[in-house]
């Protein structure tokens, strides 16, 4: 199973294909997802890349964190699971 990486501070002009190509230098990219606004469809400036192994993910994090892409310094680290929200109402 692959390891998911968080990529933040993306340029709003960065596309998923561009992001996948950048991370491909560190190994096999299984998936790329840039998060977009539900209403406008515009990028929210962050996304996720899934690498095929933990060692590739670690190499990608070390190599891409702080790297300048489209005039912005990327923030790259291991993705954390989203905390579960209970829809409990009082």
PDB file of N, CA and C in Angstrom:
ATOM      1  N   UNK A   1       0.841  -1.188   0.000  1.00  0.00           N
ATOM      2  CA  UNK A   1       0.000   0.000   0.000  1.00  0.00           C
ATOM      3  C   UNK A   1       0.881   1.244   0.000  1.00  0.00           C
ATOM      4  N   UNK A   2       0.434   2.276  -0.674  1.00  0.00           N
ATOM      5  CA  UNK A   2       1.207   3.502  -0.791  1.00  0.00           C
ATOM      6  C   UNK A   2       1.052   4.403   0.415  1.00  0.00           C
ATOM      7  N   UNK A   3       1.836   5.448   0.400  1.00  0.00           N
ATOM      8  CA  UNK A   3       1.782   6.429   1.469  1.00  0.00           C
ATOM      9  C   UNK A   3       1.323   7.758   0.887  1.00  0.00           C
ATOM     10  N   UNK A   4       0.373   8.382   1.559  1.00  0.00           N
ATOM     11  CA  UNK A   4      -0.195   9.646   1.108  1.00  0.00           C
ATOM     12  C   UNK A   4       0.615  10.814   1.657  1.00  0.00           C
ATOM     13  N   UNK A   5       0.870  11.786   0.766  1.00  0.00           N
ATOM     14  CA  UNK A   5       1.655  12.965   1.098  1.00  0.00           C
ATOM     15  C   UNK A   5       0.782  14.205   0.923  1.00  0.00           C
ATOM     16  N   UNK A   6       0.863  15.115   1.882  1.00  0.00           N
ATOM     17  CA  UNK A   6       0.182  16.404   1.797  1.00  0.00           C
ATOM     18  C   UNK A   6       1.114  17.376   1.093  1.00  0.00           C
ATOM     19  N   UNK A   7       0.577  18.153   0.141  1.00  0.00           N
ATOM     20  CA  UNK A   7       1.355  19.175  -0.553  1.00  0.00           C
ATOM     21  C   UNK A   7       0.598  20.490  -0.431  1.00  0.00           C
ATOM     22  N   UNK A   8       1.163  21.436   0.289  1.00  0.00           N
ATOM     23  CA  UNK A   8       0.510  22.717   0.513  1.00  0.00           C
ATOM     24  C   UNK A   8       1.257  23.873  -0.123  1.00  0.00           C
ATOM     25  N   UNK A   9       0.622  25.028  -0.129  1.00  0.00           N
ATOM     26  CA  UNK A   9       1.135  26.270  -0.693  1.00  0.00           C
ATOM     27  C   UNK A   9       1.340  26.159  -2.202  1.00  0.00           C
ATOM     28  N   UNK A  10       0.445  25.421  -2.848  1.00  0.00           N
ATOM     29  CA  UNK A  10       0.499  25.276  -4.301  1.00  0.00           C
ATOM     30  C   UNK A  10       0.032  26.551  -4.984  1.00  0.00           C
ATOM     31  N   UNK A  11       0.614  26.834  -6.117  1.00  0.00           N
ATOM     32  CA  UNK A  11       0.127  27.914  -6.970  1.00  0.00           C
ATOM     33  C   UNK A  11      -1.264  27.505  -7.463  1.00  0.00           C
ATOM     34  N   UNK A  12      -2.139  28.467  -7.621  1.00  0.00           N
ATOM     35  CA  UNK A  12      -3.486  28.164  -8.104  1.00  0.00           C
ATOM     36  C   UNK A  12      -3.466  27.732  -9.568  1.00  0.00           C
ATOM     37  N   UNK A  13      -2.326  27.903 -10.241  1.00  0.00           N
ATOM     38  CA  UNK A  13      -2.184  27.499 -11.637  1.00  0.00           C
ATOM     39  C   UNK A  13      -1.633  26.084 -11.791  1.00  0.00           C
ATOM     40  N   UNK A  14      -1.273  25.429 -10.687  1.00  0.00           N
ATOM     41  CA  UNK A  14      -0.722  24.077 -10.744  1.00  0.00           C
ATOM     42  C   UNK A  14      -1.848  23.083 -10.998  1.00  0.00           C
ATOM     43  N   UNK A  15      -1.607  22.172 -11.939  1.00  0.00           N
ATOM     44  CA  UNK A  15      -2.589  21.138 -12.276  1.00  0.00           C
ATOM     45  C   UNK A  15      -2.098  19.785 -11.763  1.00  0.00           C
ATOM     46  N   UNK A  16      -3.015  18.834 -11.655  1.00  0.00           N
ATOM     47  CA  UNK A  16      -2.672  17.514 -11.137  1.00  0.00           C
ATOM     48  C   UNK A  16      -1.574  16.843 -11.959  1.00  0.00           C
ATOM     49  N   UNK A  17      -1.617  16.985 -13.281  1.00  0.00           N
ATOM     50  CA  UNK A  17      -0.588  16.378 -14.141  1.00  0.00           C
ATOM     51  C   UNK A  17       0.791  16.967 -13.837  1.00  0.00           C
ATOM     52  N   UNK A  18       0.848  18.286 -13.594  1.00  0.00           N
ATOM     53  CA  UNK A  18       2.113  18.949 -13.262  1.00  0.00           C
ATOM     54  C   UNK A  18       2.663  18.417 -11.933  1.00  0.00           C
ATOM     55  N   UNK A  19       1.796  18.289 -10.954  1.00  0.00           N
ATOM     56  CA  UNK A  19       2.191  17.819  -9.631  1.00  0.00           C
ATOM     57  C   UNK A  19       2.681  16.373  -9.704  1.00  0.00           C
ATOM     58  N   UNK A  20       1.980  15.550 -10.446  1.00  0.00           N
ATOM     59  CA  UNK A  20       2.394  14.155 -10.617  1.00  0.00           C
ATOM     60  C   UNK A  20       3.758  14.048 -11.268  1.00  0.00           C
ATOM     61  N   UNK A  21       4.012  14.900 -12.244  1.00  0.00           N
ATOM     62  CA  UNK A  21       5.300  14.895 -12.934  1.00  0.00           C
ATOM     63  C   UNK A  21       6.432  15.287 -11.990  1.00  0.00           C
ATOM     64  N   UNK A  22       6.200  16.272 -11.127  1.00  0.00           N
ATOM     65  CA  UNK A  22       7.219  16.683 -10.164  1.00  0.00           C
ATOM     66  C   UNK A  22       7.580  15.546  -9.210  1.00  0.00           C
ATOM     67  N   UNK A  23       6.576  14.828  -8.732  1.00  0.00           N
ATOM     68  CA  UNK A  23       6.809  13.771  -7.756  1.00  0.00           C
ATOM     69  C   UNK A  23       7.284  12.472  -8.402  1.00  0.00           C
ATOM     70  N   UNK A  24       7.087  12.322  -9.697  1.00  0.00           N
ATOM     71  CA  UNK A  24       7.510  11.115 -10.406  1.00  0.00           C
ATOM     72  C   UNK A  24       9.024  10.920 -10.319  1.00  0.00           C
ATOM     73  N   UNK A  25       9.775  11.997 -10.143  1.00  0.00           N
ATOM     74  CA  UNK A  25      11.230  11.907 -10.012  1.00  0.00           C
ATOM     75  C   UNK A  25      11.648  11.095  -8.785  1.00  0.00           C
ATOM     76  N   UNK A  26      10.738  10.917  -7.821  1.00  0.00           N
ATOM     77  CA  UNK A  26      11.057  10.215  -6.578  1.00  0.00           C
ATOM     78  C   UNK A  26      10.489   8.801  -6.527  1.00  0.00           C
ATOM     79  N   UNK A  27       9.791   8.384  -7.572  1.00  0.00           N
ATOM     80  CA  UNK A  27       9.249   7.029  -7.611  1.00  0.00           C
ATOM     81  C   UNK A  27       7.907   6.990  -8.312  1.00  0.00           C
ATOM     82  N   UNK A  28       7.229   5.870  -8.139  1.00  0.00           N
ATOM     83  CA  UNK A  28       5.937   5.663  -8.797  1.00  0.00           C
ATOM     84  C   UNK A  28       4.831   6.421  -8.074  1.00  0.00           C
ATOM     85  N   UNK A  29       4.158   7.285  -8.810  1.00  0.00           N
ATOM     86  CA  UNK A  29       3.043   8.056  -8.265  1.00  0.00           C
ATOM     87  C   UNK A  29       1.759   7.271  -8.531  1.00  0.00           C
ATOM     88  N   UNK A  30       1.044   6.916  -7.476  1.00  0.00           N
ATOM     89  CA  UNK A  30      -0.194   6.152  -7.637  1.00  0.00           C
ATOM     90  C   UNK A  30      -1.393   7.043  -7.895  1.00  0.00           C
ATOM     91  N   UNK A  31      -1.438   8.204  -7.237  1.00  0.00           N
ATOM     92  CA  UNK A  31      -2.558   9.116  -7.457  1.00  0.00           C
ATOM     93  C   UNK A  31      -2.164  10.536  -7.068  1.00  0.00           C
ATOM     94  N   UNK A  32      -2.861  11.489  -7.681  1.00  0.00           N
ATOM     95  CA  UNK A  32      -2.663  12.910  -7.391  1.00  0.00           C
ATOM     96  C   UNK A  32      -4.046  13.546  -7.318  1.00  0.00           C
ATOM     97  N   UNK A  33      -4.273  14.355  -6.287  1.00  0.00           N
ATOM     98  CA  UNK A  33      -5.555  15.035  -6.142  1.00  0.00           C
ATOM     99  C   UNK A  33      -5.322  16.434  -5.604  1.00  0.00           C
ATOM    100  N   UNK A  34      -5.651  17.442  -6.401  1.00  0.00           N
ATOM    101  CA  UNK A  34      -5.623  18.825  -5.928  1.00  0.00           C
ATOM    102  C   UNK A  34      -7.036  19.161  -5.463  1.00  0.00           C
ATOM    103  N   UNK A  35      -7.157  19.682  -4.273  1.00  0.00           N
ATOM    104  CA  UNK A  35      -8.459  19.978  -3.679  1.00  0.00           C
ATOM    105  C   UNK A  35      -8.986  21.283  -4.268  1.00  0.00           C
ATOM    106  N   UNK A  36     -10.245  21.242  -4.680  1.00  0.00           N
ATOM    107  CA  UNK A  36     -10.867  22.413  -5.302  1.00  0.00           C
ATOM    108  C   UNK A  36     -12.081  22.870  -4.505  1.00  0.00           C
ATOM    109  N   UNK A  37     -12.418  24.135  -4.692  1.00  0.00           N
ATOM    110  CA  UNK A  37     -13.598  24.717  -4.059  1.00  0.00           C
ATOM    111  C   UNK A  37     -14.850  24.089  -4.663  1.00  0.00           C
ATOM    112  N   UNK A  38     -15.776  23.720  -3.826  1.00  0.00           N
ATOM    113  CA  UNK A  38     -16.994  23.053  -4.266  1.00  0.00           C
ATOM    114  C   UNK A  38     -17.825  23.923  -5.206  1.00  0.00           C
ATOM    115  N   UNK A  39     -17.890  25.217  -4.940  1.00  0.00           N
ATOM    116  CA  UNK A  39     -18.741  26.103  -5.734  1.00  0.00           C
ATOM    117  C   UNK A  39     -18.062  26.618  -6.998  1.00  0.00           C
ATOM    118  N   UNK A  40     -16.821  27.102  -6.864  1.00  0.00           N
ATOM    119  CA  UNK A  40     -16.154  27.723  -8.015  1.00  0.00           C
ATOM    120  C   UNK A  40     -15.325  26.743  -8.835  1.00  0.00           C
ATOM    121  N   UNK A  41     -14.890  25.643  -8.227  1.00  0.00           N
ATOM    122  CA  UNK A  41     -14.034  24.691  -8.922  1.00  0.00           C
ATOM    123  C   UNK A  41     -12.575  25.108  -8.944  1.00  0.00           C
ATOM    124  N   UNK A  42     -12.249  26.248  -8.324  1.00  0.00           N
ATOM    125  CA  UNK A  42     -10.866  26.720  -8.281  1.00  0.00           C
ATOM    126  C   UNK A  42     -10.064  25.951  -7.233  1.00  0.00           C
ATOM    127  N   UNK A  43      -8.773  25.848  -7.464  1.00  0.00           N
ATOM    128  CA  UNK A  43      -7.877  25.176  -6.533  1.00  0.00           C
ATOM    129  C   UNK A  43      -7.898  25.885  -5.180  1.00  0.00           C
ATOM    130  N   UNK A  44      -7.797  25.097  -4.103  1.00  0.00           N
ATOM    131  CA  UNK A  44      -7.689  25.667  -2.763  1.00  0.00           C
ATOM    132  C   UNK A  44      -6.233  25.837  -2.347  1.00  0.00           C
ATOM    133  N   UNK A  45      -5.298  25.458  -3.230  1.00  0.00           N
ATOM    134  CA  UNK A  45      -3.884  25.659  -2.946  1.00  0.00           C
ATOM    135  C   UNK A  45      -3.208  24.511  -2.220  1.00  0.00           C
ATOM    136  N   UNK A  46      -3.881  23.360  -2.146  1.00  0.00           N
ATOM    137  CA  UNK A  46      -3.240  22.190  -1.551  1.00  0.00           C
ATOM    138  C   UNK A  46      -3.784  20.928  -2.194  1.00  0.00           C
ATOM    139  N   UNK A  47      -3.049  19.844  -1.985  1.00  0.00           N
ATOM    140  CA  UNK A  47      -3.478  18.580  -2.561  1.00  0.00           C
ATOM    141  C   UNK A  47      -2.747  17.414  -1.925  1.00  0.00           C
ATOM    142  N   UNK A  48      -2.931  16.246  -2.512  1.00  0.00           N
ATOM    143  CA  UNK A  48      -2.346  15.020  -1.986  1.00  0.00           C
ATOM    144  C   UNK A  48      -1.742  14.217  -3.123  1.00  0.00           C
ATOM    145  N   UNK A  49      -0.601  13.597  -2.837  1.00  0.00           N
ATOM    146  CA  UNK A  49       0.067  12.704  -3.781  1.00  0.00           C
ATOM    147  C   UNK A  49       0.262  11.392  -3.050  1.00  0.00           C
ATOM    148  N   UNK A  50      -0.070  10.291  -3.714  1.00  0.00           N
ATOM    149  CA  UNK A  50       0.151   8.979  -3.113  1.00  0.00           C
ATOM    150  C   UNK A  50       1.265   8.281  -3.866  1.00  0.00           C
ATOM    151  N   UNK A  51       2.316   7.918  -3.135  1.00  0.00           N
ATOM    152  CA  UNK A  51       3.468   7.213  -3.699  1.00  0.00           C
ATOM    153  C   UNK A  51       3.291   5.717  -3.439  1.00  0.00           C
ATOM    154  N   UNK A  52       3.973   4.887  -4.228  1.00  0.00           N
ATOM    155  CA  UNK A  52       3.755   3.445  -4.130  1.00  0.00           C
ATOM    156  C   UNK A  52       4.424   2.789  -2.927  1.00  0.00           C
ATOM    157  N   UNK A  53       5.421   3.442  -2.324  1.00  0.00           N
ATOM    158  CA  UNK A  53       6.066   2.843  -1.153  1.00  0.00           C
ATOM    159  C   UNK A  53       6.438   3.919  -0.134  1.00  0.00           C
ATOM    160  N   UNK A  54       6.684   3.471   1.090  1.00  0.00           N
ATOM    161  CA  UNK A  54       7.072   4.394   2.159  1.00  0.00           C
ATOM    162  C   UNK A  54       8.418   5.053   1.861  1.00  0.00           C
ATOM    163  N   UNK A  55       9.349   4.280   1.296  1.00  0.00           N
ATOM    164  CA  UNK A  55      10.680   4.843   1.017  1.00  0.00           C
ATOM    165  C   UNK A  55      10.606   5.906  -0.075  1.00  0.00           C
ATOM    166  N   UNK A  56       9.765   5.698  -1.088  1.00  0.00           N
ATOM    167  CA  UNK A  56       9.584   6.703  -2.132  1.00  0.00           C
ATOM    168  C   UNK A  56       8.921   7.949  -1.562  1.00  0.00           C
ATOM    169  N   UNK A  57       7.958   7.746  -0.681  1.00  0.00           N
ATOM    170  CA  UNK A  57       7.276   8.879  -0.056  1.00  0.00           C
ATOM    171  C   UNK A  57       8.250   9.691   0.789  1.00  0.00           C
ATOM    172  N   UNK A  58       9.093   9.020   1.549  1.00  0.00           N
ATOM    173  CA  UNK A  58      10.075   9.720   2.378  1.00  0.00           C
ATOM    174  C   UNK A  58      11.049  10.516   1.518  1.00  0.00           C
ATOM    175  N   UNK A  59      11.486   9.927   0.400  1.00  0.00           N
ATOM    176  CA  UNK A  59      12.402  10.618  -0.513  1.00  0.00           C
ATOM    177  C   UNK A  59      11.712  11.839  -1.126  1.00  0.00           C
ATOM    178  N   UNK A  60      10.435  11.698  -1.479  1.00  0.00           N
ATOM    179  CA  UNK A  60       9.682  12.806  -2.079  1.00  0.00           C
ATOM    180  C   UNK A  60       9.489  13.937  -1.073  1.00  0.00           C
ATOM    181  N   UNK A  61       9.192  13.601   0.162  1.00  0.00           N
ATOM    182  CA  UNK A  61       9.014  14.623   1.201  1.00  0.00           C
ATOM    183  C   UNK A  61      10.323  15.378   1.409  1.00  0.00           C
ATOM    184  N   UNK A  62      11.430  14.636   1.518  1.00  0.00           N
ATOM    185  CA  UNK A  62      12.734  15.267   1.736  1.00  0.00           C
ATOM    186  C   UNK A  62      13.129  16.133   0.545  1.00  0.00           C
ATOM    187  N   UNK A  63      12.830  15.675  -0.657  1.00  0.00           N
ATOM    188  CA  UNK A  63      13.240  16.398  -1.847  1.00  0.00           C
ATOM    189  C   UNK A  63      12.354  17.559  -2.244  1.00  0.00           C
ATOM    190  N   UNK A  64      11.077  17.500  -1.892  1.00  0.00           N
ATOM    191  CA  UNK A  64      10.127  18.516  -2.354  1.00  0.00           C
ATOM    192  C   UNK A  64       9.772  19.562  -1.309  1.00  0.00           C
ATOM    193  N   UNK A  65       9.926  19.263  -0.025  1.00  0.00           N
ATOM    194  CA  UNK A  65       9.568  20.233   1.008  1.00  0.00           C
ATOM    195  C   UNK A  65      10.457  21.466   0.894  1.00  0.00           C
ATOM    196  N   UNK A  66       9.840  22.625   0.748  1.00  0.00           N
ATOM    197  CA  UNK A  66      10.565  23.874   0.631  1.00  0.00           C
ATOM    198  C   UNK A  66      10.984  24.219  -0.794  1.00  0.00           C
ATOM    199  N   UNK A  67      10.734  23.332  -1.721  1.00  0.00           N
ATOM    200  CA  UNK A  67      11.114  23.567  -3.121  1.00  0.00           C
ATOM    201  C   UNK A  67      10.229  24.648  -3.735  1.00  0.00           C
ATOM    202  N   UNK A  68      10.837  25.515  -4.534  1.00  0.00           N
ATOM    203  CA  UNK A  68      10.109  26.586  -5.198  1.00  0.00           C
ATOM    204  C   UNK A  68       9.460  26.057  -6.470  1.00  0.00           C
ATOM    205  N   UNK A  69       8.137  26.147  -6.552  1.00  0.00           N
ATOM    206  CA  UNK A  69       7.383  25.732  -7.736  1.00  0.00           C
ATOM    207  C   UNK A  69       6.414  26.857  -8.074  1.00  0.00           C
ATOM    208  N   UNK A  70       6.534  27.409  -9.261  1.00  0.00           N
ATOM    209  CA  UNK A  70       5.688  28.520  -9.711  1.00  0.00           C
ATOM    210  C   UNK A  70       5.739  29.705  -8.742  1.00  0.00           C
ATOM    211  N   UNK A  71       6.926  29.960  -8.195  1.00  0.00           N
ATOM    212  CA  UNK A  71       7.105  31.110  -7.309  1.00  0.00           C
ATOM    213  C   UNK A  71       6.618  30.906  -5.892  1.00  0.00           C
ATOM    214  N   UNK A  72       6.296  29.667  -5.521  1.00  0.00           N
ATOM    215  CA  UNK A  72       5.815  29.387  -4.157  1.00  0.00           C
ATOM    216  C   UNK A  72       6.617  28.250  -3.558  1.00  0.00           C
ATOM    217  N   UNK A  73       6.945  28.377  -2.270  1.00  0.00           N
ATOM    218  CA  UNK A  73       7.670  27.315  -1.578  1.00  0.00           C
ATOM    219  C   UNK A  73       6.679  26.271  -1.096  1.00  0.00           C
ATOM    220  N   UNK A  74       6.840  25.047  -1.583  1.00  0.00           N
ATOM    221  CA  UNK A  74       5.907  23.985  -1.212  1.00  0.00           C
ATOM    222  C   UNK A  74       6.102  23.559   0.238  1.00  0.00           C
ATOM    223  N   UNK A  75       5.007  23.197   0.858  1.00  0.00           N
ATOM    224  CA  UNK A  75       4.992  22.605   2.200  1.00  0.00           C
ATOM    225  C   UNK A  75       4.591  21.150   1.989  1.00  0.00           C
ATOM    226  N   UNK A  76       5.529  20.238   2.210  1.00  0.00           N
ATOM    227  CA  UNK A  76       5.293  18.822   1.908  1.00  0.00           C
ATOM    228  C   UNK A  76       5.566  17.994   3.150  1.00  0.00           C
ATOM    229  N   UNK A  77       4.585  17.198   3.553  1.00  0.00           N
ATOM    230  CA  UNK A  77       4.774  16.278   4.672  1.00  0.00           C
ATOM    231  C   UNK A  77       3.808  15.105   4.562  1.00  0.00           C
ATOM    232  N   UNK A  78       3.947  14.169   5.482  1.00  0.00           N
ATOM    233  CA  UNK A  78       3.072  13.007   5.484  1.00  0.00           C
ATOM    234  C   UNK A  78       1.646  13.459   5.788  1.00  0.00           C
ATOM    235  N   UNK A  79       0.707  12.957   5.008  1.00  0.00           N
ATOM    236  CA  UNK A  79      -0.700  13.314   5.215  1.00  0.00           C
ATOM    237  C   UNK A  79      -1.220  12.646   6.483  1.00  0.00           C
ATOM    238  N   UNK A  80      -2.007  13.380   7.223  1.00  0.00           N
ATOM    239  CA  UNK A  80      -2.639  12.846   8.433  1.00  0.00           C
ATOM    240  C   UNK A  80      -4.086  12.489   8.109  1.00  0.00           C
ATOM    241  N   UNK A  81      -4.589  11.469   8.778  1.00  0.00           N
ATOM    242  CA  UNK A  81      -5.996  11.120   8.589  1.00  0.00           C
ATOM    243  C   UNK A  81      -6.873  12.248   9.091  1.00  0.00           C
ATOM    244  N   UNK A  82      -7.927  12.509   8.345  1.00  0.00           N
ATOM    245  CA  UNK A  82      -8.877  13.547   8.737  1.00  0.00           C
ATOM    246  C   UNK A  82      -9.641  13.080   9.977  1.00  0.00           C
ATOM    247  N   UNK A  83      -9.716  13.918  10.996  1.00  0.00           N
ATOM    248  CA  UNK A  83     -10.456  13.503  12.187  1.00  0.00           C
ATOM    249  C   UNK A  83     -11.940  13.300  11.861  1.00  0.00           C
ATOM    250  N   UNK A  84     -12.500  12.320  12.475  1.00  0.00           N
ATOM    251  CA  UNK A  84     -13.904  12.004  12.234  1.00  0.00           C
ATOM    252  C   UNK A  84     -14.789  13.035  12.910  1.00  0.00           C
ATOM    253  N   UNK A  85     -15.780  13.506  12.165  1.00  0.00           N
ATOM    254  CA  UNK A  85     -16.745  14.452  12.737  1.00  0.00           C
ATOM    255  C   UNK A  85     -18.043  13.705  12.993  1.00  0.00           C
ATOM    256  N   UNK A  86     -18.486  13.751  14.211  1.00  0.00           N
ATOM    257  CA  UNK A  86     -19.770  13.162  14.540  1.00  0.00           C
ATOM    258  C   UNK A  86     -20.857  14.191  14.288  1.00  0.00           C
ATOM    259  N   UNK A  87     -21.905  13.770  13.676  1.00  0.00           N
ATOM    260  CA  UNK A  87     -23.034  14.664  13.381  1.00  0.00           C
ATOM    261  C   UNK A  87     -24.041  14.622  14.522  1.00  0.00           C
ATOM    262  N   UNK A  88     -23.532  14.767  15.718  1.00  0.00           N
ATOM    263  CA  UNK A  88     -24.372  14.715  16.894  1.00  0.00           C
ATOM    264  C   UNK A  88     -24.907  16.103  17.181  1.00  0.00           C
ATOM    265  N   UNK A  89     -26.186  16.193  17.383  1.00  0.00           N
ATOM    266  CA  UNK A  89     -26.813  17.483  17.712  1.00  0.00           C
ATOM    267  C   UNK A  89     -27.456  17.404  19.080  1.00  0.00           C
ATOM    268  N   UNK A  90     -27.399  18.501  19.782  1.00  0.00           N
ATOM    269  CA  UNK A  90     -28.047  18.570  21.098  1.00  0.00           C
ATOM    270  C   UNK A  90     -29.444  19.050  20.970  1.00  0.00           C
TER     271      UNK A  90
END
